[in-house]
Amino acid sequence: MEIAALDLNLLRTFLAVYRSGSFTGAGRLLGLSQPTVTTQMRALERQTGRELFERLPRGVAPTPVADELAARIAAPLDELAAVAGPDARAGARGEPVHLAGPAELLCTTALPALAPLVAEGVRLRVATGLTDALLEELRAGRHDLVIATTRPRGRALHATPLTDEEFVLVAAPVWADRVAGRLAAEGPAALHDVPLVTYAEDLPIARRYWRHVFGRRLSRTAAVTVPDLRGVLAAVAAGAGFSVLPRYLCLDLLESGAVVALLEPEDPPINTGFLVRRPGPSDNPDVARVGEFLLRAARAW
């Protein structure tokens, strides 16, 4: 058997399986998923042309070929690991999880919810942006998980419903005192003289609210645009005008009275957010941990 022609990563995985006695145990040692370990061992068996492990009901048993291979590579690989130092082995287990999504949802709810995992050693690399661009980057392998505001099309990505955003029409008390009583009688005309604050010129959230609640098209321009809903909320709370925002984002200010819900319709507009990943298992087990943690935490959002 020509050792020099074999893939070094496959040999490391082989040695972990040999020493742990199972694919699952090797995965825990290396920070790999069990299916990844299985795939790598099949690849190594194809390269060597020999069976290396006998699959048992619990774990695996090495064949004589595996015994011979382990005897030849164990010392060199252990020496290589010693030269690389302990940080290399720890790094193999602790690869960062690349999470992306809307800045507001990540900063307000997702990242605080993930704090316990970070305290346990999970590393995060967080990116923000619009859903369409983030999903394209996910397909290209730039991210592990994306919180998306729309369900992705096609089968290239796997989407799980994460949370429902309820949208609310809000203004500071100075404006609410002027228009709240008139809205029921006059409808959106009561807001004609109140400046509109939004995060984009095309007013996507406000237009949706108008169609859903008032049954008509919104035709006006924004007085202020801020490409971050937290900035929109800050401007509204300061008295700049009114806006339509996710309730989770302005919940604290609603409770304190710093902003006021101008309407409480029985059927408010709702948007479902999704946790999106590429199909199949990840080589990094922390990706699954982060995803499962977010899905559990989202029940309380």
C-alpha atoms as a PDB file:
ATOM      1  CA  MET A   1       0.000   0.000   0.000  1.00  0.00           C
ATOM      2  CA  GLU A   2       1.545   3.334  -1.112  1.00  0.00           C
ATOM      3  CA  ILE A   3       1.044   5.718   1.829  1.00  0.00           C
ATOM      4  CA  ALA A   4       2.409   8.783   0.024  1.00  0.00           C
ATOM      5  CA  ALA A   5      -0.421   8.633  -2.508  1.00  0.00           C
ATOM      6  CA  LEU A   6      -3.146   8.744   0.149  1.00  0.00           C
ATOM      7  CA  ASP A   7      -4.947  11.891   1.270  1.00  0.00           C
ATOM      8  CA  LEU A   8      -3.611  13.187   4.598  1.00  0.00           C
ATOM      9  CA  ASN A   9      -7.038  14.269   5.862  1.00  0.00           C
ATOM     10  CA  LEU A  10      -8.433  10.816   5.129  1.00  0.00           C
ATOM     11  CA  LEU A  11      -5.558   9.261   7.074  1.00  0.00           C
ATOM     12  CA  ARG A  12      -6.249  11.484  10.079  1.00  0.00           C
ATOM     13  CA  THR A  13      -9.896  10.471  10.017  1.00  0.00           C
ATOM     14  CA  PHE A  14      -8.942   6.807   9.620  1.00  0.00           C
ATOM     15  CA  LEU A  15      -6.710   6.977  12.690  1.00  0.00           C
ATOM     16  CA  ALA A  16      -9.480   8.591  14.739  1.00  0.00           C
ATOM     17  CA  VAL A  17     -11.883   5.800  13.717  1.00  0.00           C
ATOM     18  CA  TYR A  18      -9.258   3.160  14.470  1.00  0.00           C
ATOM     19  CA  ARG A  19      -8.600   4.537  17.941  1.00  0.00           C
ATOM     20  CA  SER A  20     -12.189   5.373  18.913  1.00  0.00           C
ATOM     21  CA  GLY A  21     -13.750   2.197  17.509  1.00  0.00           C
ATOM     22  CA  SER A  22     -16.620   4.001  15.792  1.00  0.00           C
ATOM     23  CA  PHE A  23     -17.413   6.561  13.121  1.00  0.00           C
ATOM     24  CA  THR A  24     -19.452   8.562  15.632  1.00  0.00           C
ATOM     25  CA  GLY A  25     -16.611   8.669  18.137  1.00  0.00           C
ATOM     26  CA  ALA A  26     -14.174   9.754  15.457  1.00  0.00           C
ATOM     27  CA  GLY A  27     -16.562  12.515  14.446  1.00  0.00           C
ATOM     28  CA  ARG A  28     -16.628  13.829  18.003  1.00  0.00           C
ATOM     29  CA  LEU A  29     -12.837  13.818  18.154  1.00  0.00           C
ATOM     30  CA  LEU A  30     -12.430  15.675  14.885  1.00  0.00           C
ATOM     31  CA  GLY A  31     -15.486  17.917  14.922  1.00  0.00           C
ATOM     32  CA  LEU A  32     -16.986  16.112  11.922  1.00  0.00           C
ATOM     33  CA  SER A  33     -20.436  14.683  11.371  1.00  0.00           C
ATOM     34  CA  GLN A  34     -20.826  10.904  11.341  1.00  0.00           C
ATOM     35  CA  PRO A  35     -21.912  10.882   7.652  1.00  0.00           C
ATOM     36  CA  THR A  36     -18.772  12.839   6.762  1.00  0.00           C
ATOM     37  CA  VAL A  37     -16.586  10.293   8.537  1.00  0.00           C
ATOM     38  CA  THR A  38     -18.400   7.472   6.717  1.00  0.00           C
ATOM     39  CA  THR A  39     -17.879   9.185   3.362  1.00  0.00           C
ATOM     40  CA  GLN A  40     -14.201   9.719   4.045  1.00  0.00           C
ATOM     41  CA  MET A  41     -13.662   6.105   5.036  1.00  0.00           C
ATOM     42  CA  ARG A  42     -15.377   4.887   1.897  1.00  0.00           C
ATOM     43  CA  ALA A  43     -13.114   7.166  -0.118  1.00  0.00           C
ATOM     44  CA  LEU A  44     -10.035   5.788   1.638  1.00  0.00           C
ATOM     45  CA  GLU A  45     -11.177   2.215   1.028  1.00  0.00           C
ATOM     46  CA  ARG A  46     -11.592   3.027  -2.663  1.00  0.00           C
ATOM     47  CA  GLN A  47      -8.089   4.499  -2.768  1.00  0.00           C
ATOM     48  CA  THR A  48      -6.525   1.507  -1.044  1.00  0.00           C
ATOM     49  CA  GLY A  49      -8.709  -1.071  -2.755  1.00  0.00           C
ATOM     50  CA  ARG A  50      -9.120  -2.867   0.573  1.00  0.00           C
ATOM     51  CA  GLU A  51     -11.737  -3.063   3.311  1.00  0.00           C
ATOM     52  CA  LEU A  52     -10.505  -1.280   6.431  1.00  0.00           C
ATOM     53  CA  PHE A  53     -13.299  -1.781   8.945  1.00  0.00           C
ATOM     54  CA  GLU A  54     -15.928  -4.394   9.612  1.00  0.00           C
ATOM     55  CA  ARG A  55     -19.226  -2.697  10.435  1.00  0.00           C
ATOM     56  CA  LEU A  56     -20.665  -4.030  13.702  1.00  0.00           C
ATOM     57  CA  PRO A  57     -24.026  -3.390  15.394  1.00  0.00           C
ATOM     58  CA  ARG A  58     -22.149  -1.040  17.716  1.00  0.00           C
ATOM     59  CA  GLY A  59     -19.073   0.550  16.192  1.00  0.00           C
ATOM     60  CA  VAL A  60     -16.515  -0.977  13.856  1.00  0.00           C
ATOM     61  CA  ALA A  61     -13.698  -3.512  14.042  1.00  0.00           C
ATOM     62  CA  PRO A  62     -10.432  -2.979  12.124  1.00  0.00           C
ATOM     63  CA  THR A  63      -9.388  -5.491   9.522  1.00  0.00           C
ATOM     64  CA  PRO A  64      -5.792  -6.746   9.331  1.00  0.00           C
ATOM     65  CA  VAL A  65      -5.210  -4.200   6.573  1.00  0.00           C
ATOM     66  CA  ALA A  66      -6.318  -1.442   8.953  1.00  0.00           C
ATOM     67  CA  ASP A  67      -4.021  -2.768  11.670  1.00  0.00           C
ATOM     68  CA  GLU A  68      -1.094  -2.577   9.257  1.00  0.00           C
ATOM     69  CA  LEU A  69      -2.013   0.918   8.064  1.00  0.00           C
ATOM     70  CA  ALA A  70      -2.454   2.240  11.599  1.00  0.00           C
ATOM     71  CA  ALA A  71       0.921   0.870  12.621  1.00  0.00           C
ATOM     72  CA  ARG A  72       2.581   2.721   9.739  1.00  0.00           C
ATOM     73  CA  ILE A  73       0.903   6.124  10.103  1.00  0.00           C
ATOM     74  CA  ALA A  74       0.171   6.558  13.822  1.00  0.00           C
ATOM     75  CA  ALA A  75       3.603   7.798  14.880  1.00  0.00           C
ATOM     76  CA  PRO A  76       4.121  10.212  11.963  1.00  0.00           C
ATOM     77  CA  LEU A  77       0.641  11.697  12.352  1.00  0.00           C
ATOM     78  CA  ASP A  78       1.082  12.059  16.112  1.00  0.00           C
ATOM     79  CA  GLU A  79       4.414  13.823  15.541  1.00  0.00           C
ATOM     80  CA  LEU A  80       2.776  16.122  13.016  1.00  0.00           C
ATOM     81  CA  ALA A  81       0.003  16.942  15.482  1.00  0.00           C
ATOM     82  CA  ALA A  82       2.597  17.679  18.175  1.00  0.00           C
ATOM     83  CA  VAL A  83       4.450  20.074  15.864  1.00  0.00           C
ATOM     84  CA  ALA A  84       1.183  21.828  14.973  1.00  0.00           C
ATOM     85  CA  GLY A  85       0.415  22.233  18.668  1.00  0.00           C
ATOM     86  CA  PRO A  86      -2.742  21.816  20.733  1.00  0.00           C
ATOM     87  CA  ASP A  87      -4.450  24.779  19.092  1.00  0.00           C
ATOM     88  CA  ALA A  88      -4.607  22.949  15.761  1.00  0.00           C
ATOM     89  CA  ARG A  89      -6.597  20.082  17.222  1.00  0.00           C
ATOM     90  CA  ALA A  90      -8.893  22.450  19.073  1.00  0.00           C
ATOM     91  CA  GLY A  91      -9.390  24.483  15.910  1.00  0.00           C
ATOM     92  CA  ALA A  92     -10.485  21.420  13.982  1.00  0.00           C
ATOM     93  CA  ARG A  93     -13.340  21.015  16.424  1.00  0.00           C
ATOM     94  CA  GLY A  94     -14.197  24.687  16.790  1.00  0.00           C
ATOM     95  CA  GLU A  95     -14.557  26.021  13.256  1.00  0.00           C
ATOM     96  CA  PRO A  96     -16.701  29.167  13.268  1.00  0.00           C
ATOM     97  CA  VAL A  97     -20.338  29.005  12.260  1.00  0.00           C
ATOM     98  CA  HIS A  98     -21.096  31.580   9.573  1.00  0.00           C
ATOM     99  CA  LEU A  99     -24.544  33.042  10.281  1.00  0.00           C
ATOM    100  CA  ALA A 100     -26.214  35.762   8.213  1.00  0.00           C
ATOM    101  CA  GLY A 101     -29.522  37.597   8.185  1.00  0.00           C
ATOM    102  CA  PRO A 102     -31.211  40.964   8.697  1.00  0.00           C
ATOM    103  CA  ALA A 103     -29.143  43.160  10.989  1.00  0.00           C
ATOM    104  CA  GLU A 104     -32.110  44.062  13.172  1.00  0.00           C
ATOM    105  CA  LEU A 105     -33.272  40.513  13.847  1.00  0.00           C
ATOM    106  CA  LEU A 106     -29.738  39.250  14.402  1.00  0.00           C
ATOM    107  CA  CYS A 107     -28.786  42.020  16.824  1.00  0.00           C
ATOM    108  CA  THR A 108     -32.085  42.217  18.686  1.00  0.00           C
ATOM    109  CA  THR A 109     -33.004  38.558  19.118  1.00  0.00           C
ATOM    110  CA  ALA A 110     -30.734  35.968  17.483  1.00  0.00           C
ATOM    111  CA  LEU A 111     -27.345  36.956  18.892  1.00  0.00           C
ATOM    112  CA  PRO A 112     -28.587  37.416  22.473  1.00  0.00           C
ATOM    113  CA  ALA A 113     -30.247  33.991  22.219  1.00  0.00           C
ATOM    114  CA  LEU A 114     -26.964  32.405  21.086  1.00  0.00           C
ATOM    115  CA  ALA A 115     -24.903  33.834  23.950  1.00  0.00           C
ATOM    116  CA  PRO A 116     -25.011  30.553  25.970  1.00  0.00           C
ATOM    117  CA  LEU A 117     -23.522  28.634  23.031  1.00  0.00           C
ATOM    118  CA  VAL A 118     -20.726  31.174  22.659  1.00  0.00           C
ATOM    119  CA  ALA A 119     -19.980  30.779  26.364  1.00  0.00           C
ATOM    120  CA  GLU A 120     -19.635  27.030  25.714  1.00  0.00           C
ATOM    121  CA  GLY A 121     -17.029  27.605  23.015  1.00  0.00           C
ATOM    122  CA  VAL A 122     -19.059  27.933  19.810  1.00  0.00           C
ATOM    123  CA  ARG A 123     -17.550  30.561  17.520  1.00  0.00           C
ATOM    124  CA  LEU A 124     -19.707  32.761  15.299  1.00  0.00           C
ATOM    125  CA  ARG A 125     -18.985  34.884  12.244  1.00  0.00           C
ATOM    126  CA  VAL A 126     -21.993  37.077  11.535  1.00  0.00           C
ATOM    127  CA  ALA A 127     -22.907  38.895   8.329  1.00  0.00           C
ATOM    128  CA  THR A 128     -25.887  41.125   7.602  1.00  0.00           C
ATOM    129  CA  GLY A 129     -27.720  42.046   4.439  1.00  0.00           C
ATOM    130  CA  LEU A 130     -30.826  41.589   2.328  1.00  0.00           C
ATOM    131  CA  THR A 131     -32.300  38.119   1.929  1.00  0.00           C
ATOM    132  CA  ASP A 132     -31.814  37.616  -1.823  1.00  0.00           C
ATOM    133  CA  ALA A 133     -28.119  38.472  -1.692  1.00  0.00           C
ATOM    134  CA  LEU A 134     -27.526  36.381   1.432  1.00  0.00           C
ATOM    135  CA  LEU A 135     -29.208  33.342  -0.109  1.00  0.00           C
ATOM    136  CA  GLU A 136     -26.985  33.596  -3.176  1.00  0.00           C
ATOM    137  CA  GLU A 137     -23.961  33.738  -0.882  1.00  0.00           C
ATOM    138  CA  LEU A 138     -25.297  30.701   0.992  1.00  0.00           C
ATOM    139  CA  ARG A 139     -25.526  28.766  -2.272  1.00  0.00           C
ATOM    140  CA  ALA A 140     -21.937  29.770  -2.996  1.00  0.00           C
ATOM    141  CA  GLY A 141     -20.779  28.426   0.384  1.00  0.00           C
ATOM    142  CA  ARG A 142     -20.049  31.750   2.071  1.00  0.00           C
ATOM    143  CA  HIS A 143     -22.520  31.136   4.929  1.00  0.00           C
ATOM    144  CA  ASP A 144     -23.648  28.085   6.899  1.00  0.00           C
ATOM    145  CA  LEU A 145     -27.039  29.438   8.011  1.00  0.00           C
ATOM    146  CA  VAL A 146     -29.157  32.349   6.818  1.00  0.00           C
ATOM    147  CA  ILE A 147     -32.183  33.873   8.504  1.00  0.00           C
ATOM    148  CA  ALA A 148     -34.320  34.822   5.510  1.00  0.00           C
ATOM    149  CA  THR A 149     -37.400  37.018   5.325  1.00  0.00           C
ATOM    150  CA  THR A 150     -38.783  34.943   2.433  1.00  0.00           C
ATOM    151  CA  ARG A 151     -38.785  31.225   1.653  1.00  0.00           C
ATOM    152  CA  PRO A 152     -36.126  30.401  -0.954  1.00  0.00           C
ATOM    153  CA  ARG A 153     -37.258  28.887  -4.225  1.00  0.00           C
ATOM    154  CA  GLY A 154     -36.095  25.547  -5.589  1.00  0.00           C
ATOM    155  CA  ARG A 155     -34.473  22.584  -3.873  1.00  0.00           C
ATOM    156  CA  ALA A 156     -30.929  23.871  -3.581  1.00  0.00           C
ATOM    157  CA  LEU A 157     -31.605  25.151  -0.062  1.00  0.00           C
ATOM    158  CA  HIS A 158     -33.490  23.758   2.926  1.00  0.00           C
ATOM    159  CA  ALA A 159     -35.769  26.223   4.763  1.00  0.00           C
ATOM    160  CA  THR A 160     -37.426  25.760   8.160  1.00  0.00           C
ATOM    161  CA  PRO A 161     -39.994  28.292   9.461  1.00  0.00           C
ATOM    162  CA  LEU A 162     -38.334  30.233  12.267  1.00  0.00           C
ATOM    163  CA  THR A 163     -40.563  33.055  13.466  1.00  0.00           C
ATOM    164  CA  ASP A 164     -43.499  35.264  12.487  1.00  0.00           C
ATOM    165  CA  GLU A 165     -42.972  39.013  12.389  1.00  0.00           C
ATOM    166  CA  GLU A 166     -46.068  41.081  13.141  1.00  0.00           C
ATOM    167  CA  PHE A 167     -45.990  44.594  11.708  1.00  0.00           C
ATOM    168  CA  VAL A 168     -47.324  47.542  13.684  1.00  0.00           C
ATOM    169  CA  LEU A 169     -48.054  51.174  12.734  1.00  0.00           C
ATOM    170  CA  VAL A 170     -46.187  53.371  15.233  1.00  0.00           C
ATOM    171  CA  ALA A 171     -45.440  56.993  16.046  1.00  0.00           C
ATOM    172  CA  ALA A 172     -44.205  59.023  18.987  1.00  0.00           C
ATOM    173  CA  PRO A 173     -46.858  60.230  21.465  1.00  0.00           C
ATOM    174  CA  VAL A 174     -46.700  63.763  20.051  1.00  0.00           C
ATOM    175  CA  TRP A 175     -48.068  62.466  16.724  1.00  0.00           C
ATOM    176  CA  ALA A 176     -50.258  59.753  18.213  1.00  0.00           C
ATOM    177  CA  ASP A 177     -52.215  62.336  20.205  1.00  0.00           C
ATOM    178  CA  ARG A 178     -53.061  64.130  16.955  1.00  0.00           C
ATOM    179  CA  VAL A 179     -54.068  61.223  14.722  1.00  0.00           C
ATOM    180  CA  ALA A 180     -54.919  58.075  16.712  1.00  0.00           C
ATOM    181  CA  GLY A 181     -58.553  59.069  17.246  1.00  0.00           C
ATOM    182  CA  ARG A 182     -58.987  60.138  13.622  1.00  0.00           C
ATOM    183  CA  LEU A 183     -57.615  56.949  12.044  1.00  0.00           C
ATOM    184  CA  ALA A 184     -60.751  54.935  12.775  1.00  0.00           C
ATOM    185  CA  ALA A 185     -62.979  57.524  11.113  1.00  0.00           C
ATOM    186  CA  GLU A 186     -60.760  58.864   8.332  1.00  0.00           C
ATOM    187  CA  GLY A 187     -58.523  55.894   7.609  1.00  0.00           C
ATOM    188  CA  PRO A 188     -54.993  56.538   6.337  1.00  0.00           C
ATOM    189  CA  ALA A 189     -55.970  60.082   5.289  1.00  0.00           C
ATOM    190  CA  ALA A 190     -55.445  61.004   8.926  1.00  0.00           C
ATOM    191  CA  LEU A 191     -51.702  60.472   8.376  1.00  0.00           C
ATOM    192  CA  HIS A 192     -51.509  62.794   5.377  1.00  0.00           C
ATOM    193  CA  ASP A 193     -49.593  65.515   7.211  1.00  0.00           C
ATOM    194  CA  VAL A 194     -47.402  63.185   9.285  1.00  0.00           C
ATOM    195  CA  PRO A 195     -43.896  62.496   7.886  1.00  0.00           C
ATOM    196  CA  LEU A 196     -43.191  58.899   6.899  1.00  0.00           C
ATOM    197  CA  VAL A 197     -39.952  57.286   8.071  1.00  0.00           C
ATOM    198  CA  THR A 198     -38.829  54.082   6.339  1.00  0.00           C
ATOM    199  CA  TYR A 199     -35.719  52.101   5.440  1.00  0.00           C
ATOM    200  CA  ALA A 200     -36.046  52.212   1.635  1.00  0.00           C
ATOM    201  CA  GLU A 201     -37.466  54.524  -0.995  1.00  0.00           C
ATOM    202  CA  ASP A 202     -39.886  51.888  -2.311  1.00  0.00           C
ATOM    203  CA  LEU A 203     -41.535  51.600   1.153  1.00  0.00           C
ATOM    204  CA  PRO A 204     -41.915  47.791   1.104  1.00  0.00           C
ATOM    205  CA  ILE A 205     -43.173  47.262   4.669  1.00  0.00           C
ATOM    206  CA  ALA A 206     -45.446  50.303   4.655  1.00  0.00           C
ATOM    207  CA  ARG A 207     -46.912  49.387   1.252  1.00  0.00           C
ATOM    208  CA  ARG A 208     -47.696  45.896   2.478  1.00  0.00           C
ATOM    209  CA  TYR A 209     -49.364  47.286   5.621  1.00  0.00           C
ATOM    210  CA  TRP A 210     -51.494  49.658   3.570  1.00  0.00           C
ATOM    211  CA  ARG A 211     -52.726  46.872   1.269  1.00  0.00           C
ATOM    212  CA  HIS A 212     -53.407  44.455   4.116  1.00  0.00           C
ATOM    213  CA  VAL A 213     -54.991  46.789   6.660  1.00  0.00           C
ATOM    214  CA  PHE A 214     -56.460  49.649   4.624  1.00  0.00           C
ATOM    215  CA  GLY A 215     -57.082  47.762   1.385  1.00  0.00           C
ATOM    216  CA  ARG A 216     -55.544  50.459  -0.737  1.00  0.00           C
ATOM    217  CA  ARG A 217     -52.276  51.495  -2.355  1.00  0.00           C
ATOM    218  CA  LEU A 218     -49.827  53.691  -0.480  1.00  0.00           C
ATOM    219  CA  SER A 219     -48.882  56.664  -2.640  1.00  0.00           C
ATOM    220  CA  ARG A 220     -46.466  58.994  -0.916  1.00  0.00           C
ATOM    221  CA  THR A 221     -42.754  59.516  -0.506  1.00  0.00           C
ATOM    222  CA  ALA A 222     -40.678  59.102   2.619  1.00  0.00           C
ATOM    223  CA  ALA A 223     -39.502  62.072   4.631  1.00  0.00           C
ATOM    224  CA  VAL A 224     -36.620  60.031   6.057  1.00  0.00           C
ATOM    225  CA  THR A 225     -35.020  56.793   4.844  1.00  0.00           C
ATOM    226  CA  VAL A 226     -32.594  54.845   7.031  1.00  0.00           C
ATOM    227  CA  PRO A 227     -31.201  51.484   5.795  1.00  0.00           C
ATOM    228  CA  ASP A 228     -31.572  49.948   9.257  1.00  0.00           C
ATOM    229  CA  LEU A 229     -34.892  49.457  11.038  1.00  0.00           C
ATOM    230  CA  ARG A 230     -33.284  50.322  14.345  1.00  0.00           C
ATOM    231  CA  GLY A 231     -32.495  53.742  12.916  1.00  0.00           C
ATOM    232  CA  VAL A 232     -36.072  54.047  11.684  1.00  0.00           C
ATOM    233  CA  LEU A 233     -37.305  53.276  15.198  1.00  0.00           C
ATOM    234  CA  ALA A 234     -34.933  55.808  16.747  1.00  0.00           C
ATOM    235  CA  ALA A 235     -36.175  58.513  14.378  1.00  0.00           C
ATOM    236  CA  VAL A 236     -39.816  57.668  15.089  1.00  0.00           C
ATOM    237  CA  ALA A 237     -39.252  57.683  18.857  1.00  0.00           C
ATOM    238  CA  ALA A 238     -37.611  61.108  18.534  1.00  0.00           C
ATOM    239  CA  GLY A 239     -40.749  62.465  16.875  1.00  0.00           C
ATOM    240  CA  ALA A 240     -39.656  62.474  13.222  1.00  0.00           C
ATOM    241  CA  GLY A 241     -42.918  60.884  12.043  1.00  0.00           C
ATOM    242  CA  PHE A 242     -44.587  57.486  11.725  1.00  0.00           C
ATOM    243  CA  SER A 243     -43.509  54.126  10.357  1.00  0.00           C
ATOM    244  CA  VAL A 244     -44.455  50.457  10.103  1.00  0.00           C
ATOM    245  CA  LEU A 245     -42.073  48.199  12.041  1.00  0.00           C
ATOM    246  CA  PRO A 246     -41.840  44.617  13.327  1.00  0.00           C
ATOM    247  CA  ARG A 247     -43.393  44.447  16.773  1.00  0.00           C
ATOM    248  CA  TYR A 248     -40.411  42.560  18.253  1.00  0.00           C
ATOM    249  CA  LEU A 249     -38.171  45.504  17.381  1.00  0.00           C
ATOM    250  CA  CYS A 250     -40.226  48.191  19.124  1.00  0.00           C
ATOM    251  CA  LEU A 251     -41.691  46.087  21.930  1.00  0.00           C
ATOM    252  CA  ASP A 252     -39.698  47.761  24.718  1.00  0.00           C
ATOM    253  CA  LEU A 253     -40.550  51.264  23.497  1.00  0.00           C
ATOM    254  CA  LEU A 254     -44.202  50.319  23.116  1.00  0.00           C
ATOM    255  CA  GLU A 255     -44.262  49.092  26.703  1.00  0.00           C
ATOM    256  CA  SER A 256     -42.542  52.230  27.976  1.00  0.00           C
ATOM    257  CA  GLY A 257     -44.797  54.549  25.964  1.00  0.00           C
ATOM    258  CA  ALA A 258     -41.916  56.075  23.995  1.00  0.00           C
ATOM    259  CA  VAL A 259     -43.763  55.018  20.838  1.00  0.00           C
ATOM    260  CA  VAL A 260     -47.466  54.267  20.408  1.00  0.00           C
ATOM    261  CA  ALA A 261     -49.283  51.763  18.198  1.00  0.00           C
ATOM    262  CA  LEU A 262     -51.651  53.905  16.148  1.00  0.00           C
ATOM    263  CA  LEU A 263     -53.837  50.922  15.245  1.00  0.00           C
ATOM    264  CA  GLU A 264     -54.331  47.399  16.601  1.00  0.00           C
ATOM    265  CA  PRO A 265     -56.118  45.607  13.732  1.00  0.00           C
ATOM    266  CA  GLU A 266     -57.594  42.177  14.426  1.00  0.00           C
ATOM    267  CA  ASP A 267     -55.652  40.767  11.472  1.00  0.00           C
ATOM    268  CA  PRO A 268     -52.269  42.515  11.370  1.00  0.00           C
ATOM    269  CA  PRO A 269     -49.862  41.772   8.513  1.00  0.00           C
ATOM    270  CA  ILE A 270     -47.403  39.024   9.381  1.00  0.00           C
ATOM    271  CA  ASN A 271     -44.243  37.876   7.647  1.00  0.00           C
ATOM    272  CA  THR A 272     -42.680  34.458   8.270  1.00  0.00           C
ATOM    273  CA  GLY A 273     -38.919  34.253   8.626  1.00  0.00           C
ATOM    274  CA  PHE A 274     -37.018  31.079   7.740  1.00  0.00           C
ATOM    275  CA  LEU A 275     -33.801  29.461   8.887  1.00  0.00           C
ATOM    276  CA  VAL A 276     -32.076  28.345   5.684  1.00  0.00           C
ATOM    277  CA  ARG A 277     -29.156  25.983   5.100  1.00  0.00           C
ATOM    278  CA  ARG A 278     -27.753  23.896   2.299  1.00  0.00           C
ATOM    279  CA  PRO A 279     -29.102  20.313   2.131  1.00  0.00           C
ATOM    280  CA  GLY A 280     -27.091  17.546   3.711  1.00  0.00           C
ATOM    281  CA  PRO A 281     -24.970  17.399   6.863  1.00  0.00           C
ATOM    282  CA  SER A 282     -22.266  19.956   7.596  1.00  0.00           C
ATOM    283  CA  ASP A 283     -18.683  19.044   8.434  1.00  0.00           C
ATOM    284  CA  ASN A 284     -18.988  21.386  11.400  1.00  0.00           C
ATOM    285  CA  PRO A 285     -21.256  19.975  14.152  1.00  0.00           C
ATOM    286  CA  ASP A 286     -21.687  23.442  15.633  1.00  0.00           C
ATOM    287  CA  VAL A 287     -23.772  24.417  12.599  1.00  0.00           C
ATOM    288  CA  ALA A 288     -26.476  21.992  13.692  1.00  0.00           C
ATOM    289  CA  ARG A 289     -26.169  23.173  17.312  1.00  0.00           C
ATOM    290  CA  VAL A 290     -26.656  26.812  16.332  1.00  0.00           C
ATOM    291  CA  GLY A 291     -29.586  25.958  14.072  1.00  0.00           C
ATOM    292  CA  GLU A 292     -31.359  23.865  16.708  1.00  0.00           C
ATOM    293  CA  PHE A 293     -30.738  26.517  19.365  1.00  0.00           C
ATOM    294  CA  LEU A 294     -32.207  29.254  17.171  1.00  0.00           C
ATOM    295  CA  LEU A 295     -35.298  27.190  16.388  1.00  0.00           C
ATOM    296  CA  ARG A 296     -35.919  26.572  20.094  1.00  0.00           C
ATOM    297  CA  ALA A 297     -35.260  30.177  21.064  1.00  0.00           C
ATOM    298  CA  ALA A 298     -37.527  31.544  18.334  1.00  0.00           C
ATOM    299  CA  ARG A 299     -40.572  30.066  20.081  1.00  0.00           C
ATOM    300  CA  ALA A 300     -40.268  32.859  22.636  1.00  0.00           C
ATOM    301  CA  TRP A 301     -39.697  35.721  20.184  1.00  0.00           C
END
